[in-house]
Amino acid sequence: MNFSPTGIPKALLREKERQERTAFLTTVAEQMRQKGASEKSMRKVLEGFDEFLKLTSQPNTPHHPDPT
């Protein structure tokens, strides 16, 4: 089993992160729907937000250098 530095299995951390991302995106979709956004607009925003959240949750690597 693969563990994080905190001793928590990495699979559990990834699942928790996925659940939190899904909950956030669901909230965004509900708010957009209440404001009358089209399905196309919602899909575009949610896909972009999801990609942003995935990228910002990754550690800095040579392919994702620290932006400072």
Protein backbone atom coordinates (compact mmCIF):
# COMPACT_ATOMS: atom_id res chain seq x y z
CA MET A 1 0.00 0.00 0.00
CA ASN A 2 1.25 3.49 -0.89
CA PHE A 3 1.23 5.96 2.03
CA SER A 4 1.54 9.73 2.14
CA PRO A 5 4.08 11.43 4.44
CA THR A 6 1.29 11.74 7.02
CA GLY A 7 0.78 7.96 7.05
CA ILE A 8 -2.61 8.10 5.30
CA PRO A 9 -2.98 5.79 2.29
CA LYS A 10 -2.64 7.85 -0.90
CA ALA A 11 -5.74 6.23 -2.41
CA LEU A 12 -7.83 7.59 0.49
CA LEU A 13 -6.36 11.07 0.04
CA ARG A 14 -7.10 11.00 -3.70
CA GLU A 15 -10.67 9.83 -3.05
CA LYS A 16 -11.25 12.58 -0.47
CA GLU A 17 -9.82 15.16 -2.89
CA ARG A 18 -12.09 13.85 -5.67
CA GLN A 19 -15.15 14.05 -3.39
CA GLU A 20 -14.33 17.62 -2.36
CA ARG A 21 -13.77 18.65 -5.99
CA THR A 22 -17.08 17.05 -7.00
CA ALA A 23 -18.94 18.80 -4.16
CA PHE A 24 -17.46 22.16 -5.16
CA LEU A 25 -18.31 21.68 -8.84
CA THR A 26 -21.85 20.61 -7.91
CA THR A 27 -22.29 23.82 -5.92
CA VAL A 28 -21.01 25.89 -8.85
CA ALA A 29 -23.42 24.11 -11.22
CA GLU A 30 -26.38 24.69 -8.88
CA GLN A 31 -25.57 28.39 -8.58
CA MET A 32 -25.19 28.75 -12.34
CA ARG A 33 -28.48 26.92 -12.93
CA GLN A 34 -30.25 29.27 -10.47
CA LYS A 35 -28.88 32.24 -12.42
CA GLY A 36 -30.23 30.80 -15.68
CA ALA A 37 -26.96 29.72 -17.31
CA SER A 38 -27.23 27.49 -20.35
CA GLU A 39 -26.08 23.86 -20.21
CA LYS A 40 -23.32 24.71 -22.70
CA SER A 41 -22.02 27.54 -20.50
CA MET A 42 -22.18 25.38 -17.41
CA ARG A 43 -20.28 22.55 -19.10
CA LYS A 44 -17.56 24.95 -20.28
CA VAL A 45 -17.12 26.53 -16.84
CA LEU A 46 -17.20 23.21 -14.98
CA GLU A 47 -14.65 21.59 -17.29
CA GLY A 48 -12.33 24.58 -16.88
CA PHE A 49 -12.78 24.69 -13.10
CA ASP A 50 -12.19 20.94 -12.83
CA GLU A 51 -8.93 21.23 -14.78
CA PHE A 52 -7.86 24.19 -12.63
CA LEU A 53 -8.59 22.28 -9.41
CA LYS A 54 -6.67 19.23 -10.63
CA LEU A 55 -3.63 21.32 -11.58
CA THR A 56 -3.57 23.35 -8.39
CA SER A 57 -3.82 20.24 -6.22
CA GLN A 58 -0.66 18.71 -7.74
CA PRO A 59 2.72 19.30 -6.14
CA ASN A 60 5.11 21.57 -8.02
CA THR A 61 7.17 19.57 -10.50
CA PRO A 62 9.44 20.55 -13.39
CA HIS A 63 6.33 20.51 -15.61
CA HIS A 64 4.43 22.63 -13.06
CA PRO A 65 7.04 24.99 -11.59
CA ASP A 66 6.32 27.29 -8.69
CA PRO A 67 4.89 30.50 -10.22
CA THR A 68 6.95 32.82 -8.00
